[in-house]
Amino acid sequence: YRDIWMRSYANEIGRLTDGIRDVPGTNTMEFIYKHEIPKDRLRDVTYGRLVCTYRPQKPEPNRSRLTAGGNLVNYPWEVATPTGDLITAKLLFNSVISTPGARFLSMDLKNFYLCTPMLRPEFMRLQMSLLPPEIITKHDLEKKAHNGYAYVRINRGMYGLPQAGLLANQLLTKRFDAAGYYQCQFTPGLWRHKWRPIMFTLVVDDFGIKTQGLSHAKHLKTVLEKHYEVSIDWKGELFCGISLKWDYENGHVDLSMPGYIDGALIEFNHPKPQQPQHAPYQAAPVKYGAKVQYANKDNSPPLNAKQIKRIQKIVGKILYFARAVDPTLAAALSTISSQQSRGTDAVQRAAHQLLDYCATHPNPSLRYHASDMILAMDTDASYLSEPDAKSRAAAYIYLTKKNRPDFHNGAVLVLSAIIKHVMSSASESELAALFYGCKASIPLRTTLEEMGHAQPGPTPVTTDNNTAHGLTMETMIPKAAKHMDMRFNWLKSRRAQRLFKFLWEKGTRNRADYPSKHHAGTHHQAVRHRYVVDPPQ
C-alpha cells in the first residue's frame, strides 16, 4: 500500500501548497529555507503530524491529512472557538422530526480552515525521509532541507493550529452576517436566519441543517459557494459520523453507526466472544441472607503503562459511540474510566467484557419520535455501589409530549456519574442525582428556547425516592450536612424560579434506573429494548 498512501500524502501537500498534478493548491503553506524563519520565532517551530484514514463516502477515499502540532505553537491571542456539540445536534434531529414539513440535510465545506488568512505566519518542519519523491523534486527540497528536515511557513489557517478554528469561524460569521444569518447567543454552533425558516448546527466544517422548504437550503448553499467548495447531502443521511434514517411519514428517525464497533474490534485485535455477552460490566453478586454486606476490594495485579494506555484507548473509542447511539454503555464506561489511571488486571477484564458486549450488540439504533419538544427527565441513584464507598447518580433526559407522562422517547442525554463526595444515606444520593440532572438540563432548556421551542412550564423531573421528593417539594423539614444543604437549596431555588417541577414515580417506571447501577445480563436483555433498537436477527 506504500504507493497508494504516498500518492495520498503528495495530494495533501499539493493541496496545502501550490498544487500537484490535477490537485489544485490553496497556498496555505510554502517550503522555505531555515534561515528565512525570524530568530525570535525559531522556538515556535512545530512538527507536522500525518493522519491517514479510509473514508469510502468521500471522492478521495484514501485520505491523508497533515496537521500542525498545536501544542508547540505559542499563540498570544484568543483561540477558543464556538462550535456545535453532539447534544445540540440531537436536539436539532428531534426538532426536525417534530416539525411538520421540516427536512434535514447536511453540507460539508472543503478546505474550510485552509482558506482563512492569519494574523501572523506559523512555522513547521517535516521529516524528509517521509516526504513523497514528487514533492521533494517539485519544491527542490534536497537543496532547502536542513539536518534531514524541510521547513514550512504556514500563511493561512491549517488543521492543528490552535487559532485556525476561531479565525475560520470569525470569517464565516462576517460573511454570514451580510446574508442575514446569525449565531445564537447562548448555544455555540447554533445558527439561524433573521426571517427564513432555516436553522443549522456547525461542527468544525459540517453543517446539519433543518429547513422548512428546500429553497431556503438552496439560499444557504448559494451563500457558501461564493467563498467555499460545498458538497451537499440532500437526504441528510450522515452527520458527525452518525447515520440517520429518516421516516417523516411515521414520525421517527433512527441514529446508528454501522461498522464502528467492527472497526474498533479490529483496532484492538479483540476477537468476537464465543458466547454472547449481554452485560457491559460485571454486576456485584447479591449475597442473600448475609447479615453484613462487605465491600469489594480490587487486589488484582497492577498493569504496566502499555496495558493502561490500551484501556484508555478502548474507553475513548467506545465513549463517542455510547454518547451518540448506545446509552446502555454509560455506567460501564463511567466505572472503567474512573479506574483506568491506576489500572489493574480486574480493570483490564472489565474492558474486555465491555468489548465482548459491544461485539454481541454491534449495531444498535437510537430512535427519536415526533414530540412536542418538551424537556423531561428521570433521575435515580445507587447508594454505595462504587469502590471507595462512592455512590452513582444517573439522569435520563428526553423530549416528551404535553400531558403524556407515559410517552417514551430516545435519550438526548444519559448522565451516569460517580458522585464525588461520600454520601451518608440513600436519600442523600437521590438528592445528588436530582442536583446533577437538573444542572445538566438547564443549558438544554436554553438551547430549545433558542431553537424556537419555548417550554410551556417547568421541566418535569421524576424521582423514585420519597425523601428527595419531599425535601424538594418542602413537605419535609431538612436536617443535613452543608454539601447536602447546598444541593437542596439550589433545587429549591430553581423550583421557585419555575424551571423545574419535581414528581414521584415508582422505580420500575423510572428510566434512569438502568444507567444508575450495574445489572445482570438477564436484566439487560429484559429492558434493553427501552433504550435502543437492535436490528432483527
Protein backbone atom coordinates (compact mmCIF):
# COMPACT_ATOMS: atom_id res chain seq x y z
CA TYR A 1 0.00 0.00 0.00
CA ARG A 2 3.02 2.30 0.03
CA ASP A 3 2.35 3.76 -3.43
CA ILE A 4 -1.33 4.42 -2.60
CA TRP A 5 -0.57 6.34 0.59
CA MET A 6 2.48 8.13 -0.85
CA ARG A 7 0.23 9.49 -3.60
CA SER A 8 -2.37 10.43 -0.99
CA TYR A 9 0.29 12.28 1.04
CA ALA A 10 1.53 14.05 -2.09
CA ASN A 11 -2.05 15.13 -2.85
CA GLU A 12 -2.36 16.57 0.65
CA ILE A 13 0.88 18.56 0.42
CA GLY A 14 -0.09 19.72 -3.06
CA ARG A 15 -3.45 20.86 -1.71
CA LEU A 16 -1.71 22.80 1.06
CA THR A 17 0.87 24.41 -1.25
CA ASP A 18 0.51 25.40 -4.91
CA GLY A 19 -0.95 22.16 -6.24
CA ILE A 20 0.31 18.88 -7.66
CA ARG A 21 -0.80 17.23 -10.88
CA ASP A 22 -4.59 17.79 -11.15
CA VAL A 23 -4.96 18.69 -7.44
CA PRO A 24 -5.40 22.47 -7.04
CA GLY A 25 -3.47 24.25 -4.31
CA THR A 26 -4.68 26.62 -1.60
CA ASN A 27 -1.34 28.34 -0.87
CA THR A 28 -1.87 27.58 2.80
CA MET A 29 1.84 26.93 3.27
CA GLU A 30 5.13 27.18 1.37
CA PHE A 31 8.52 25.48 1.68
CA ILE A 32 11.33 27.81 2.82
CA TYR A 33 14.95 27.74 3.95
CA LYS A 34 15.50 27.58 7.67
CA HIS A 35 17.30 30.94 7.71
CA GLU A 36 14.07 32.59 6.47
CA ILE A 37 12.48 31.98 9.88
CA PRO A 38 12.82 35.08 12.11
CA LYS A 39 15.20 34.46 15.01
CA ASP A 40 12.55 35.30 17.60
CA ARG A 41 10.28 32.61 16.13
CA LEU A 42 12.76 29.72 15.99
CA ARG A 43 11.46 28.37 19.30
CA ASP A 44 7.92 28.31 17.86
CA VAL A 45 8.71 25.86 15.04
CA THR A 46 6.33 22.94 15.45
CA TYR A 47 6.09 19.48 13.92
CA GLY A 48 3.77 18.02 11.30
CA ARG A 49 1.50 15.08 12.16
CA LEU A 50 0.12 12.90 9.39
CA VAL A 51 -3.29 11.28 9.92
CA CYS A 52 -4.37 8.60 7.44
CA THR A 53 -7.97 7.38 7.25
CA TYR A 54 -10.16 5.45 4.84
CA ARG A 55 -13.40 7.33 4.09
CA PRO A 56 -15.36 5.39 1.44
CA GLN A 57 -18.08 8.07 1.21
CA LYS A 58 -15.56 10.71 0.06
CA PRO A 59 -14.43 11.32 -3.57
CA GLU A 60 -10.87 10.54 -2.41
CA PRO A 61 -11.35 7.54 -0.06
CA ASN A 62 -7.68 7.20 0.95
CA ARG A 63 -7.32 10.43 2.91
CA SER A 64 -4.09 11.82 4.32
CA ARG A 65 -4.36 14.91 6.48
CA LEU A 66 -1.31 16.89 7.54
CA THR A 67 -1.91 18.70 10.82
CA ALA A 68 0.33 21.10 12.68
CA GLY A 69 1.40 20.24 16.24
CA GLY A 70 -0.67 22.84 18.04
CA ASN A 71 0.81 22.06 21.46
CA LEU A 72 4.09 23.74 20.46
CA VAL A 73 2.52 26.85 18.91
CA ASN A 74 2.92 29.91 21.15
CA TYR A 75 -0.11 31.96 20.07
CA PRO A 76 -0.64 35.08 22.22
CA TRP A 77 -4.32 35.77 21.42
CA GLU A 78 -7.70 34.13 21.99
CA VAL A 79 -8.18 30.66 20.44
CA ALA A 80 -11.49 29.34 21.88
CA THR A 81 -13.92 28.52 19.07
CA PRO A 82 -17.73 28.34 19.39
CA THR A 83 -18.73 25.04 17.81
CA GLY A 84 -21.73 22.76 17.98
CA ASP A 85 -21.74 19.60 20.07
CA LEU A 86 -23.50 16.25 19.94
CA ILE A 87 -26.32 17.29 22.29
CA THR A 88 -27.16 20.32 20.11
CA ALA A 89 -27.24 18.02 17.08
CA LYS A 90 -29.59 15.59 18.85
CA LEU A 91 -31.94 18.41 19.82
CA LEU A 92 -31.90 19.51 16.17
CA PHE A 93 -32.77 15.98 14.99
CA ASN A 94 -35.73 15.98 17.39
CA SER A 95 -36.78 19.41 16.16
CA VAL A 96 -36.77 18.24 12.53
CA ILE A 97 -38.85 15.10 13.14
CA SER A 98 -41.26 17.05 15.39
CA THR A 99 -41.88 19.98 13.00
CA PRO A 100 -44.45 19.31 10.22
CA GLY A 101 -42.93 19.84 6.80
CA ALA A 102 -39.35 20.17 8.06
CA ARG A 103 -36.49 18.28 6.41
CA PHE A 104 -32.89 17.59 7.38
CA LEU A 105 -29.87 17.83 5.10
CA SER A 106 -26.15 18.20 5.60
CA MET A 107 -23.40 20.20 3.94
CA ASP A 108 -19.63 19.88 4.08
CA LEU A 109 -17.13 22.64 3.29
CA LYS A 110 -13.97 21.52 1.58
CA ASN A 111 -10.74 23.12 2.84
CA PHE A 112 -12.71 25.27 5.33
CA TYR A 113 -9.71 26.09 7.52
CA LEU A 114 -7.28 26.35 4.62
CA CYS A 115 -8.92 29.45 3.15
CA THR A 116 -8.57 31.66 6.24
CA PRO A 117 -5.94 34.44 6.45
CA MET A 118 -3.94 34.53 9.70
CA LEU A 119 -2.72 37.43 11.83
CA ARG A 120 0.84 36.10 11.62
CA PRO A 121 2.55 33.11 9.95
CA GLU A 122 3.48 29.93 11.82
CA PHE A 123 6.38 27.59 11.09
CA MET A 124 6.65 23.82 10.86
CA ARG A 125 9.20 21.20 9.89
CA LEU A 126 8.63 17.89 8.09
CA GLN A 127 10.88 14.84 8.08
CA MET A 128 12.49 14.47 4.65
CA SER A 129 12.57 10.67 4.75
CA LEU A 130 8.73 10.58 4.85
CA LEU A 131 8.06 13.05 2.05
CA PRO A 132 6.90 11.75 -1.37
CA PRO A 133 9.64 11.95 -4.03
CA GLU A 134 7.49 14.04 -6.38
CA ILE A 135 7.09 16.68 -3.66
CA ILE A 136 10.85 16.72 -2.99
CA THR A 137 11.53 17.21 -6.70
CA LYS A 138 8.82 19.83 -7.31
CA HIS A 139 9.93 22.08 -4.43
CA ASP A 140 13.68 21.41 -4.68
CA LEU A 141 13.76 20.23 -1.08
CA GLU A 142 17.13 18.49 -1.29
CA LYS A 143 18.57 21.98 -1.53
CA LYS A 144 16.30 23.59 1.07
CA ALA A 145 16.47 20.83 3.70
CA HIS A 146 18.44 21.26 6.92
CA ASN A 147 19.59 18.31 9.03
CA GLY A 148 17.02 15.98 7.48
CA TYR A 149 14.03 18.33 7.77
CA ALA A 150 12.13 20.51 5.31
CA TYR A 151 10.86 23.79 6.75
CA VAL A 152 7.46 25.31 6.02
CA ARG A 153 5.87 28.73 6.51
CA ILE A 154 2.12 28.48 7.18
CA ASN A 155 0.32 31.56 5.83
CA ARG A 156 -3.33 30.51 6.20
CA GLY A 157 -5.39 28.53 8.67
CA MET A 158 -4.41 24.88 8.90
CA TYR A 159 -5.71 21.89 10.82
CA GLY A 160 -3.97 21.57 14.17
CA LEU A 161 -3.21 25.25 14.72
CA PRO A 162 -4.96 26.44 17.89
CA GLN A 163 -6.11 29.69 16.26
CA ALA A 164 -7.35 28.15 12.98
CA GLY A 165 -10.85 27.32 14.19
CA LEU A 166 -11.55 30.74 15.68
CA LEU A 167 -10.21 32.64 12.66
CA ALA A 168 -12.26 30.50 10.26
CA ASN A 169 -15.35 30.97 12.41
CA GLN A 170 -14.88 34.74 12.61
CA LEU A 171 -14.53 34.99 8.84
CA LEU A 172 -17.60 32.80 8.31
CA THR A 173 -19.58 34.95 10.79
CA LYS A 174 -18.67 38.10 8.83
CA ARG A 175 -19.77 36.51 5.55
CA PHE A 176 -22.96 35.11 7.06
CA ASP A 177 -23.89 38.43 8.64
CA ALA A 178 -24.16 40.05 5.21
CA ALA A 179 -26.62 37.32 4.15
CA GLY A 180 -28.84 37.55 7.25
CA TYR A 181 -27.54 34.55 9.24
CA TYR A 182 -26.56 34.90 12.88
CA GLN A 183 -25.21 32.67 15.64
CA CYS A 184 -27.47 32.17 18.66
CA GLN A 185 -26.38 33.98 21.80
CA PHE A 186 -26.13 31.15 24.29
CA THR A 187 -25.73 27.96 22.22
CA PRO A 188 -22.33 27.65 20.49
CA GLY A 189 -22.54 26.45 16.91
CA LEU A 190 -26.31 27.01 16.51
CA TRP A 191 -27.22 29.35 13.65
CA ARG A 192 -30.49 30.86 12.41
CA HIS A 193 -31.65 33.31 9.74
CA LYS A 194 -33.34 36.61 10.50
CA TRP A 195 -36.53 35.60 8.72
CA ARG A 196 -36.05 32.38 6.76
CA PRO A 197 -37.32 29.15 8.42
CA ILE A 198 -33.90 27.55 8.44
CA MET A 199 -31.60 26.58 11.30
CA PHE A 200 -28.34 24.66 11.44
CA THR A 201 -25.59 23.50 13.75
CA LEU A 202 -21.97 23.82 12.66
CA VAL A 203 -19.44 21.24 13.88
CA VAL A 204 -16.00 22.17 12.51
CA ASP A 205 -16.87 22.23 8.77
CA ASP A 206 -20.02 20.08 8.80
CA PHE A 207 -23.45 21.70 8.63
CA GLY A 208 -26.52 19.86 9.98
CA ILE A 209 -29.48 21.79 8.60
CA LYS A 210 -33.19 21.93 9.43
CA THR A 211 -35.22 23.67 6.75
CA GLN A 212 -38.89 24.19 6.03
CA GLY A 213 -38.66 24.47 2.27
CA LEU A 214 -35.71 23.48 0.10
CA SER A 215 -35.49 26.98 -1.40
CA HIS A 216 -34.04 28.20 1.93
CA ALA A 217 -31.41 25.45 1.89
CA LYS A 218 -30.50 26.46 -1.66
CA HIS A 219 -30.08 30.05 -0.46
CA LEU A 220 -27.62 28.87 2.22
CA LYS A 221 -25.76 26.81 -0.37
CA THR A 222 -25.50 29.81 -2.70
CA VAL A 223 -24.11 31.99 0.09
CA LEU A 224 -21.47 29.39 0.98
CA GLU A 225 -20.46 28.70 -2.63
CA LYS A 226 -19.34 32.31 -3.03
CA HIS A 227 -16.39 31.51 -0.77
CA TYR A 228 -16.09 27.71 -0.33
CA GLU A 229 -16.37 24.45 -2.22
CA VAL A 230 -19.58 22.85 -0.92
CA SER A 231 -20.77 19.24 -1.04
CA ILE A 232 -24.36 18.54 -0.01
CA ASP A 233 -26.37 15.52 1.09
CA TRP A 234 -29.98 16.41 0.29
CA LYS A 235 -31.28 13.33 2.14
CA GLY A 236 -29.35 14.13 5.35
CA GLU A 237 -28.25 10.54 5.88
CA LEU A 238 -24.90 11.23 7.59
CA PHE A 239 -23.78 13.85 10.12
CA CYS A 240 -20.80 13.80 12.50
CA GLY A 241 -20.20 10.11 11.71
CA ILE A 242 -23.79 9.23 12.65
CA SER A 243 -26.04 7.56 10.07
CA LEU A 244 -29.57 8.95 10.05
CA LYS A 245 -32.57 7.02 8.75
CA TRP A 246 -35.48 9.43 8.41
CA ASP A 247 -39.09 8.24 8.36
CA TYR A 248 -41.01 11.51 8.07
CA GLU A 249 -44.29 9.78 7.31
CA ASN A 250 -44.29 7.75 10.55
CA GLY A 251 -42.60 10.46 12.58
CA HIS A 252 -39.31 8.97 13.75
CA VAL A 253 -35.60 8.97 12.96
CA ASP A 254 -33.02 6.28 13.79
CA LEU A 255 -29.41 7.15 14.68
CA SER A 256 -26.78 4.45 14.16
CA MET A 257 -23.07 3.97 13.49
CA PRO A 258 -22.80 0.85 11.31
CA GLY A 259 -19.32 -0.64 11.16
CA TYR A 260 -17.98 1.43 14.06
CA ILE A 261 -17.78 -1.45 16.53
CA ASP A 262 -16.40 -3.81 13.88
CA GLY A 263 -13.62 -1.31 13.26
CA ALA A 264 -12.95 -0.97 16.99
CA LEU A 265 -12.65 -4.75 17.41
CA ILE A 266 -10.11 -4.85 14.59
CA GLU A 267 -8.20 -1.87 16.04
CA PHE A 268 -7.87 -3.54 19.45
CA ASN A 269 -7.39 -7.02 17.98
CA HIS A 270 -10.30 -8.27 20.05
CA PRO A 271 -11.96 -11.49 18.85
CA LYS A 272 -15.71 -11.86 18.95
CA PRO A 273 -16.81 -13.84 22.03
CA GLN A 274 -17.76 -17.49 21.60
CA GLN A 275 -20.75 -16.92 23.89
CA PRO A 276 -22.88 -13.75 23.68
CA GLN A 277 -22.20 -11.20 26.40
CA HIS A 278 -25.33 -9.30 27.49
CA ALA A 279 -23.86 -7.29 30.39
CA PRO A 280 -21.36 -4.46 29.67
CA TYR A 281 -19.99 -4.71 33.22
CA GLN A 282 -19.94 -7.40 35.89
CA ALA A 283 -22.75 -6.86 38.38
CA ALA A 284 -21.90 -7.26 42.06
CA PRO A 285 -23.21 -10.63 43.29
CA VAL A 286 -26.10 -10.46 45.75
CA LYS A 287 -25.42 -12.45 48.95
CA TYR A 288 -28.86 -13.38 50.17
CA GLY A 289 -29.21 -13.89 53.94
CA ALA A 290 -25.89 -12.26 54.80
CA LYS A 291 -26.13 -10.01 57.86
CA VAL A 292 -23.18 -7.91 56.72
CA GLN A 293 -22.54 -6.90 53.09
CA TYR A 294 -18.76 -6.47 52.75
CA ALA A 295 -17.11 -4.03 50.36
CA ASN A 296 -15.36 -5.48 47.34
CA LYS A 297 -11.64 -4.72 47.16
CA ASP A 298 -9.60 -4.95 43.96
CA ASN A 299 -6.42 -6.81 44.92
CA SER A 300 -5.53 -7.95 41.41
CA PRO A 301 -2.03 -7.24 40.00
CA PRO A 302 -1.36 -3.76 38.55
CA LEU A 303 -0.97 -3.24 34.79
CA ASN A 304 2.05 -1.82 33.03
CA ALA A 305 1.96 1.53 31.20
CA LYS A 306 1.25 -0.07 27.80
CA GLN A 307 -1.73 -2.01 29.12
CA ILE A 308 -3.15 1.08 30.84
CA LYS A 309 -2.78 3.04 27.61
CA ARG A 310 -4.74 0.35 25.77
CA ILE A 311 -7.61 0.59 28.27
CA GLN A 312 -7.65 4.37 27.89
CA LYS A 313 -7.88 3.98 24.11
CA ILE A 314 -10.75 1.49 24.47
CA VAL A 315 -12.67 3.90 26.71
CA GLY A 316 -12.03 6.82 24.37
CA LYS A 317 -13.09 4.83 21.31
CA ILE A 318 -16.31 3.46 22.79
CA LEU A 319 -17.26 6.69 24.59
CA TYR A 320 -18.34 8.54 21.42
CA PHE A 321 -20.32 5.50 20.28
CA ALA A 322 -22.09 5.40 23.66
CA ARG A 323 -22.89 9.11 23.68
CA ALA A 324 -24.10 9.01 20.09
CA VAL A 325 -26.23 5.87 19.81
CA ASP A 326 -25.90 3.43 22.75
CA PRO A 327 -26.74 4.79 26.24
CA THR A 328 -26.66 1.25 27.68
CA LEU A 329 -22.87 1.61 27.95
CA ALA A 330 -22.92 4.71 30.17
CA ALA A 331 -22.50 3.12 33.62
CA ALA A 332 -19.82 0.65 32.48
CA LEU A 333 -17.75 3.35 30.79
CA SER A 334 -18.03 5.61 33.83
CA THR A 335 -16.72 2.92 36.19
CA ILE A 336 -13.86 1.80 33.91
CA SER A 337 -12.76 5.37 33.16
CA SER A 338 -12.65 6.17 36.90
CA GLN A 339 -10.23 3.26 37.44
CA GLN A 340 -8.13 3.34 34.27
CA SER A 341 -5.33 5.57 35.55
CA ARG A 342 -4.47 3.03 38.26
CA GLY A 343 -5.36 0.05 36.12
CA THR A 344 -5.29 -3.48 37.44
CA ASP A 345 -5.97 -6.88 35.96
CA ALA A 346 -9.60 -6.57 37.08
CA VAL A 347 -9.97 -3.31 35.14
CA GLN A 348 -8.49 -5.00 32.08
CA ARG A 349 -11.02 -7.84 32.37
CA ALA A 350 -13.79 -5.23 32.66
CA ALA A 351 -12.58 -3.53 29.47
CA HIS A 352 -12.58 -6.90 27.68
CA GLN A 353 -16.11 -7.60 28.89
CA LEU A 354 -17.13 -4.20 27.55
CA LEU A 355 -15.76 -5.12 24.11
CA ASP A 356 -17.49 -8.51 24.29
CA TYR A 357 -20.79 -6.72 24.97
CA CYS A 358 -20.20 -4.35 22.05
CA ALA A 359 -19.36 -7.30 19.78
CA THR A 360 -22.60 -9.01 20.83
CA HIS A 361 -24.63 -5.84 20.13
CA PRO A 362 -22.63 -4.05 17.40
CA ASN A 363 -25.37 -2.15 15.55
CA PRO A 364 -27.89 -0.52 17.91
CA SER A 365 -30.01 2.45 16.84
CA LEU A 366 -31.26 5.32 18.95
CA ARG A 367 -34.80 6.25 17.91
CA TYR A 368 -36.39 9.68 18.27
CA HIS A 369 -40.16 10.05 17.86
CA ALA A 370 -42.02 13.23 16.96
CA SER A 371 -42.88 15.07 20.18
CA ASP A 372 -43.99 18.46 21.48
CA MET A 373 -40.32 19.26 22.20
CA ILE A 374 -40.95 19.50 25.95
CA LEU A 375 -37.86 18.66 28.00
CA ALA A 376 -38.36 15.98 30.66
CA MET A 377 -36.07 13.99 32.93
CA ASP A 378 -35.94 10.97 35.24
CA THR A 379 -33.25 10.74 37.92
CA ASP A 380 -32.07 7.88 40.11
CA ALA A 381 -29.11 6.92 42.26
CA SER A 382 -27.44 3.80 43.61
CA TYR A 383 -26.04 4.04 47.13
CA LEU A 384 -22.52 2.72 47.92
CA SER A 385 -22.43 0.91 44.57
CA GLU A 386 -18.91 2.01 43.55
CA PRO A 387 -15.45 1.43 45.06
CA ASP A 388 -14.27 3.57 47.98
CA ALA A 389 -17.83 3.94 49.38
CA LYS A 390 -18.94 6.08 46.44
CA SER A 391 -22.45 6.26 45.01
CA ARG A 392 -23.70 6.79 41.46
CA ALA A 393 -26.09 9.44 40.13
CA ALA A 394 -28.00 8.96 36.89
CA ALA A 395 -30.36 11.03 34.75
CA TYR A 396 -32.31 10.19 31.60
CA ILE A 397 -33.12 13.40 29.69
CA TYR A 398 -35.53 13.22 26.75
CA LEU A 399 -38.23 15.16 24.86
CA THR A 400 -41.85 14.38 25.50
CA LYS A 401 -45.44 15.36 24.66
CA LYS A 402 -47.68 17.60 26.73
CA ASN A 403 -49.67 15.77 29.39
CA ARG A 404 -48.28 12.40 28.29
CA PRO A 405 -46.21 11.01 31.20
CA ASP A 406 -46.28 7.57 29.55
CA PHE A 407 -44.67 8.86 26.32
CA HIS A 408 -41.26 7.27 25.81
CA ASN A 409 -38.55 8.74 23.59
CA GLY A 410 -34.88 8.16 22.93
CA ALA A 411 -32.48 9.93 25.28
CA VAL A 412 -30.95 13.25 24.30
CA LEU A 413 -28.52 12.84 27.20
CA VAL A 414 -27.89 10.00 29.64
CA LEU A 415 -25.93 11.03 32.70
CA SER A 416 -24.21 8.33 34.72
CA ALA A 417 -21.61 9.73 37.08
CA ILE A 418 -19.91 8.70 40.29
CA ILE A 419 -20.78 11.23 42.99
CA LYS A 420 -17.61 12.95 44.16
CA HIS A 421 -18.45 13.00 47.87
CA VAL A 422 -19.24 10.04 50.08
CA MET A 423 -22.99 10.02 50.69
CA SER A 424 -24.35 9.30 54.16
CA SER A 425 -27.68 7.82 53.03
CA ALA A 426 -29.64 6.65 50.01
CA SER A 427 -31.86 9.73 50.13
CA GLU A 428 -28.78 11.97 50.02
CA SER A 429 -27.61 10.10 46.92
CA GLU A 430 -31.04 10.61 45.33
CA LEU A 431 -30.91 14.32 46.10
CA ALA A 432 -27.45 14.50 44.50
CA ALA A 433 -28.86 12.77 41.39
CA LEU A 434 -31.59 15.42 41.19
CA PHE A 435 -28.94 18.13 41.50
CA TYR A 436 -26.67 16.60 38.83
CA GLY A 437 -29.52 16.04 36.39
CA CYS A 438 -31.14 19.46 36.80
CA LYS A 439 -27.80 21.21 36.47
CA ALA A 440 -27.09 19.36 33.21
CA SER A 441 -30.53 20.13 31.77
CA ILE A 442 -30.50 23.94 32.15
CA PRO A 443 -28.35 24.51 29.01
CA LEU A 444 -30.71 22.19 27.10
CA ARG A 445 -33.70 24.34 28.09
CA THR A 446 -31.85 27.39 26.80
CA THR A 447 -30.99 25.69 23.51
CA LEU A 448 -34.61 24.64 22.99
CA GLU A 449 -35.72 28.24 23.59
CA GLU A 450 -33.21 29.48 21.01
CA MET A 451 -34.42 26.86 18.54
CA GLY A 452 -37.91 28.30 18.86
CA HIS A 453 -39.33 25.61 21.14
CA ALA A 454 -40.50 27.65 24.12
CA GLN A 455 -41.03 25.47 27.17
CA PRO A 456 -44.66 25.69 28.34
CA GLY A 457 -43.72 25.49 32.01
CA PRO A 458 -41.27 23.96 34.47
CA THR A 459 -39.35 20.89 33.28
CA PRO A 460 -40.87 17.75 34.86
CA VAL A 461 -38.25 15.86 36.90
CA THR A 462 -39.19 12.41 38.20
CA THR A 463 -37.56 10.62 41.12
CA ASP A 464 -38.46 7.36 42.87
CA ASN A 465 -37.26 8.43 46.34
CA ASN A 466 -39.84 9.79 48.77
CA THR A 467 -37.35 11.71 50.89
CA ALA A 468 -35.70 13.50 47.93
CA HIS A 469 -39.15 14.33 46.57
CA GLY A 470 -40.39 15.54 49.95
CA LEU A 471 -37.38 17.79 50.53
CA THR A 472 -37.61 19.47 47.13
CA MET A 473 -41.38 19.91 47.45
CA GLU A 474 -40.93 21.25 51.04
CA THR A 475 -43.19 18.62 52.58
CA MET A 476 -40.30 17.54 54.82
CA ILE A 477 -38.03 19.55 57.11
CA PRO A 478 -34.36 19.27 56.04
CA LYS A 479 -31.61 18.48 58.51
CA ALA A 480 -28.46 17.83 56.56
CA ALA A 481 -24.75 18.42 56.16
CA LYS A 482 -23.67 21.60 54.37
CA HIS A 483 -22.94 20.00 50.99
CA MET A 484 -26.37 18.32 51.02
CA ASP A 485 -27.94 21.59 52.17
CA MET A 486 -26.37 23.40 49.20
CA ARG A 487 -27.91 20.94 46.73
CA PHE A 488 -31.27 21.13 48.49
CA ASN A 489 -31.34 24.93 48.39
CA TRP A 490 -30.18 25.01 44.77
CA LEU A 491 -33.05 22.71 43.76
CA LYS A 492 -35.48 24.67 45.93
CA SER A 493 -34.42 27.95 44.27
CA ARG A 494 -34.77 26.54 40.75
CA ARG A 495 -38.22 25.24 41.64
CA ALA A 496 -39.17 28.72 42.87
CA GLN A 497 -37.95 30.12 39.52
CA ARG A 498 -40.34 27.67 37.80
CA LEU A 499 -37.51 25.92 35.97
CA PHE A 500 -38.39 22.50 37.40
CA LYS A 501 -41.28 20.65 38.97
CA PHE A 502 -40.48 17.52 40.96
CA LEU A 503 -42.59 14.38 40.62
CA TRP A 504 -42.56 10.95 42.22
CA GLU A 505 -42.98 7.68 40.32
CA LYS A 506 -42.25 4.11 41.36
CA GLY A 507 -38.83 2.74 40.48
CA THR A 508 -39.96 0.20 37.90
CA ARG A 509 -41.08 3.08 35.66
CA ASN A 510 -38.02 5.23 36.24
CA ARG A 511 -35.94 5.44 33.04
CA ALA A 512 -32.80 6.41 34.97
CA ASP A 513 -32.75 3.17 36.97
CA TYR A 514 -30.90 1.41 34.13
CA PRO A 515 -27.80 3.70 33.99
CA SER A 516 -27.68 4.16 37.78
CA LYS A 517 -26.09 0.79 38.51
CA HIS A 518 -24.60 -2.37 37.02
CA HIS A 519 -27.15 -5.09 36.24
CA ALA A 520 -27.03 -8.78 35.46
CA GLY A 521 -27.17 -9.86 31.83
CA THR A 522 -30.76 -11.09 32.17
CA HIS A 523 -31.91 -7.62 33.24
CA HIS A 524 -30.06 -6.00 30.32
CA GLN A 525 -31.84 -8.36 27.92
CA ALA A 526 -35.20 -7.60 29.51
CA VAL A 527 -35.00 -3.79 29.34
CA ARG A 528 -32.52 -3.03 26.54
CA HIS A 529 -35.34 -2.53 24.04
CA ARG A 530 -36.50 0.53 26.01
CA TYR A 531 -33.25 2.37 25.30
CA VAL A 532 -32.07 1.24 21.85
CA VAL A 533 -33.45 -0.50 18.79
CA ASP A 534 -31.46 -3.57 17.72
CA PRO A 535 -31.64 -4.85 14.13
CA PRO A 536 -33.70 -8.02 13.62
CA GLN A 537 -31.67 -11.21 13.97
